Structure formats: C-alpha cells, structure tokens
Amino acid sequence: MVKKGIGGANTKTGLAFEGEKELFSFFKKHAIYVYLKKYHNLNWNVFLSKKLLPDYSIFVYKNNTFFIIEIKSQNVVGSVDEKLQTCDFKRKQWQKLLSVLNYKVEYWYLLSNWFKKPEYKDTLNYIINSNCRYFFEYIPLKELNLSF
C-alpha cells in the first residue's frame, strides 16, 4: 500500500481500493529527502540552509499534502518544552522546500500525555496559533483525509 516509501510496500490489504492509485507514502527521518531527490530531482540544500529531520512524514496523494510529524515524549522537565515552540519556523521551512512541487504542508506533533499538564496550556495554544496541530498518544487516520 505504500508507494516509494518505507515499509508495507508489498502488503496486500484486500480492501476495495486495492489496485487503484496508492493513497500515501510513509517516510522516516532521511527517507523524505531520498524520495524528493529520486522522484523530483529536488536537492533540499538549494532551498534550506539546514536539513530538518522529521520523525515521520506522510505524503497523501489525493490532497497533495505532506504531513510532517514530530513525536515528543517527556517523563521529567527538560528541553522538549522549547522544541515545541519551534513549530512555526519548521512548518515554514517545510513549506519553502515543498511548495516548489506544489505540495501543501501540515506540521503536527504527536505528544505523550505528559503535555496535558496545565503548564503546557500556553505552548499548546501557540502550536495551534502557528497553524500547526498536536495529538496525544495517537493520530486518528481520518485526520490524514484517507478514505478507505
């Protein structure tokens, strides 16, 4: 079901859409850059001064959108707090790179329940106000606009 991505490429699902155009590609870390170079001859360093490494990225063909997903987990107070405040910059960097291919970008966090604490209210509001999103523990597939 995954086209030009990592994992699952030979999986048979038996669902009604099998045999139709693939729905999405899934990438981990550097794999997004391999895809961009191999299939679009796009060199990231022409557009960005520093390579960004997303935990995961998913390209959904039907809506021409890359979902950049960062996973953040915390058990004690630490530096992840500040990393959550970089979403606006990183989203704009991804847009700068991927807009060349007319791809849309969604920048999302997948957070552990640690971040449900009241002291993260301002940070979570900032994420939303920066046109980014966050989810706790899992991301429902419907949020990716995949229709099965």
Protein backbone atom coordinates (compact mmCIF):
# COMPACT_ATOMS: atom_id res chain seq x y z
CA MET A 1 0.00 0.00 0.00
CA VAL A 2 2.97 2.35 0.44
CA LYS A 3 4.42 3.73 -2.76
CA LYS A 4 8.04 4.85 -2.91
CA GLY A 5 8.15 4.96 0.87
CA ILE A 6 9.46 2.88 3.69
CA GLY A 7 7.74 -0.35 4.73
CA GLY A 8 4.48 -2.00 3.78
CA ALA A 9 5.05 -1.81 0.04
CA ASN A 10 4.24 -5.46 -0.54
CA THR A 11 1.31 -5.69 1.86
CA LYS A 12 -1.98 -6.89 0.38
CA THR A 13 -4.93 -5.36 2.17
CA GLY A 14 -7.86 -6.88 0.34
CA LEU A 15 -9.78 -3.61 0.65
CA ALA A 16 -11.91 -2.21 -2.16
CA PHE A 17 -9.30 0.34 -3.24
CA GLU A 18 -6.63 -2.30 -3.89
CA GLY A 19 -5.27 -1.99 -7.38
CA GLU A 20 -6.18 1.69 -7.61
CA LYS A 21 -3.70 4.54 -7.21
CA GLU A 22 -1.77 4.34 -3.97
CA LEU A 23 -3.13 6.53 -1.17
CA PHE A 24 0.02 7.59 0.61
CA SER A 25 3.77 7.23 1.09
CA PHE A 26 5.37 6.96 4.51
CA PHE A 27 8.88 8.17 5.34
CA LYS A 28 11.11 8.11 8.39
CA LYS A 29 13.87 10.68 9.02
CA HIS A 30 16.15 10.98 5.92
CA ALA A 31 13.82 8.97 3.66
CA ILE A 32 11.83 12.07 2.66
CA TYR A 33 14.98 13.54 1.12
CA VAL A 34 15.73 10.32 -0.76
CA TYR A 35 12.21 10.47 -2.21
CA LEU A 36 12.50 14.15 -3.17
CA LYS A 37 15.85 13.59 -4.89
CA LYS A 38 14.94 10.33 -6.63
CA TYR A 39 11.47 11.22 -7.89
CA HIS A 40 11.67 15.00 -8.22
CA ASN A 41 15.41 15.68 -8.52
CA LEU A 42 14.98 18.13 -5.66
CA ASN A 43 18.02 18.98 -3.54
CA TRP A 44 16.98 20.23 -0.11
CA ASN A 45 20.11 22.40 0.33
CA VAL A 46 19.13 24.62 -2.60
CA PHE A 47 16.17 25.82 -0.51
CA LEU A 48 17.19 25.27 3.12
CA SER A 49 20.35 26.19 4.99
CA LYS A 50 19.98 23.26 7.39
CA LYS A 51 18.47 19.81 6.91
CA LEU A 52 15.40 19.14 9.04
CA LEU A 53 14.83 15.54 10.11
CA PRO A 54 11.20 14.79 10.87
CA ASP A 55 10.45 11.71 12.92
CA TYR A 56 7.92 10.76 10.25
CA SER A 57 6.39 12.27 7.16
CA ILE A 58 3.42 11.05 5.18
CA PHE A 59 2.56 12.16 1.69
CA VAL A 60 -1.16 11.80 0.88
CA TYR A 61 -1.61 11.73 -2.88
CA LYS A 62 -5.28 12.65 -3.11
CA ASN A 63 -4.83 16.01 -1.36
CA ASN A 64 -1.21 16.60 -2.41
CA THR A 65 -0.18 17.12 1.21
CA PHE A 66 2.88 16.23 3.22
CA PHE A 67 2.17 15.66 6.90
CA ILE A 68 5.34 16.29 8.87
CA ILE A 69 5.06 14.54 12.24
CA GLU A 70 7.31 15.08 15.22
CA ILE A 71 6.99 12.73 18.19
CA LYS A 72 7.69 14.28 21.58
CA SER A 73 7.66 12.34 24.82
CA GLN A 74 8.59 13.54 28.26
CA ASN A 75 8.80 11.99 31.73
CA VAL A 76 10.63 14.79 33.53
CA VAL A 77 11.05 18.52 32.90
CA GLY A 78 13.53 19.04 30.08
CA SER A 79 14.45 20.53 26.73
CA VAL A 80 11.43 19.18 24.83
CA ASP A 81 9.49 22.14 26.20
CA GLU A 82 11.44 24.53 23.98
CA LYS A 83 11.34 22.21 20.96
CA LEU A 84 7.55 22.50 20.89
CA GLN A 85 7.96 26.23 20.38
CA THR A 86 9.75 25.79 17.04
CA CYS A 87 6.76 24.57 15.03
CA ASP A 88 6.13 27.84 13.19
CA PHE A 89 9.70 28.07 11.91
CA LYS A 90 9.87 24.40 10.91
CA ARG A 91 6.48 24.47 9.19
CA LYS A 92 7.61 27.48 7.15
CA GLN A 93 10.87 25.76 6.24
CA TRP A 94 9.00 22.68 5.03
CA GLN A 95 6.63 24.91 3.06
CA LYS A 96 9.57 26.67 1.44
CA LEU A 97 11.01 23.33 0.31
CA LEU A 98 7.84 21.51 -0.70
CA SER A 99 5.94 24.39 -2.29
CA VAL A 100 8.36 24.12 -5.21
CA LEU A 101 6.47 20.90 -6.04
CA ASN A 102 3.08 22.48 -5.25
CA TYR A 103 2.76 20.28 -2.16
CA LYS A 104 0.86 21.51 0.86
CA VAL A 105 2.36 21.03 4.32
CA GLU A 106 0.83 20.14 7.65
CA TYR A 107 3.13 20.20 10.68
CA TRP A 108 1.96 18.05 13.57
CA TYR A 109 3.17 16.89 16.95
CA LEU A 110 2.36 13.52 18.43
CA LEU A 111 2.69 14.11 22.17
CA SER A 112 2.79 11.92 25.22
CA ASN A 113 0.21 12.57 27.92
CA TRP A 114 2.88 14.45 29.89
CA PHE A 115 1.98 17.53 27.86
CA LYS A 116 -1.62 17.55 29.07
CA LYS A 117 -0.41 19.28 32.24
CA PRO A 118 -1.73 22.80 32.87
CA GLU A 119 1.73 24.34 32.49
CA TYR A 120 1.68 23.44 28.79
CA LYS A 121 -1.54 25.31 28.03
CA ASP A 122 0.28 28.33 26.55
CA THR A 123 2.59 26.15 24.48
CA LEU A 124 -0.29 24.10 23.09
CA ASN A 125 -2.17 27.30 22.24
CA TYR A 126 0.94 28.59 20.49
CA ILE A 127 1.10 25.43 18.37
CA ILE A 128 -2.50 25.96 17.22
CA ASN A 129 -1.96 29.69 16.65
CA SER A 130 1.05 28.82 14.47
CA ASN A 131 -1.17 26.78 12.12
CA CYS A 132 0.26 23.55 13.43
CA ARG A 133 -1.54 20.76 15.27
CA TYR A 134 -0.93 18.31 18.08
CA PHE A 135 -2.37 14.98 19.15
CA PHE A 136 -1.93 12.95 22.30
CA GLU A 137 -0.73 9.33 22.10
CA TYR A 138 -2.06 8.63 18.56
CA ILE A 139 -3.20 10.32 15.36
CA PRO A 140 -6.55 9.11 14.02
CA LEU A 141 -6.23 8.06 10.38
CA LYS A 142 -9.24 10.19 9.47
CA GLU A 143 -7.10 13.28 10.23
CA LEU A 144 -4.93 12.39 7.24
CA ASN A 145 -8.01 12.53 4.99
CA LEU A 146 -7.54 8.96 3.84
CA SER A 147 -10.74 7.37 2.67
CA PHE A 148 -10.89 3.59 2.69
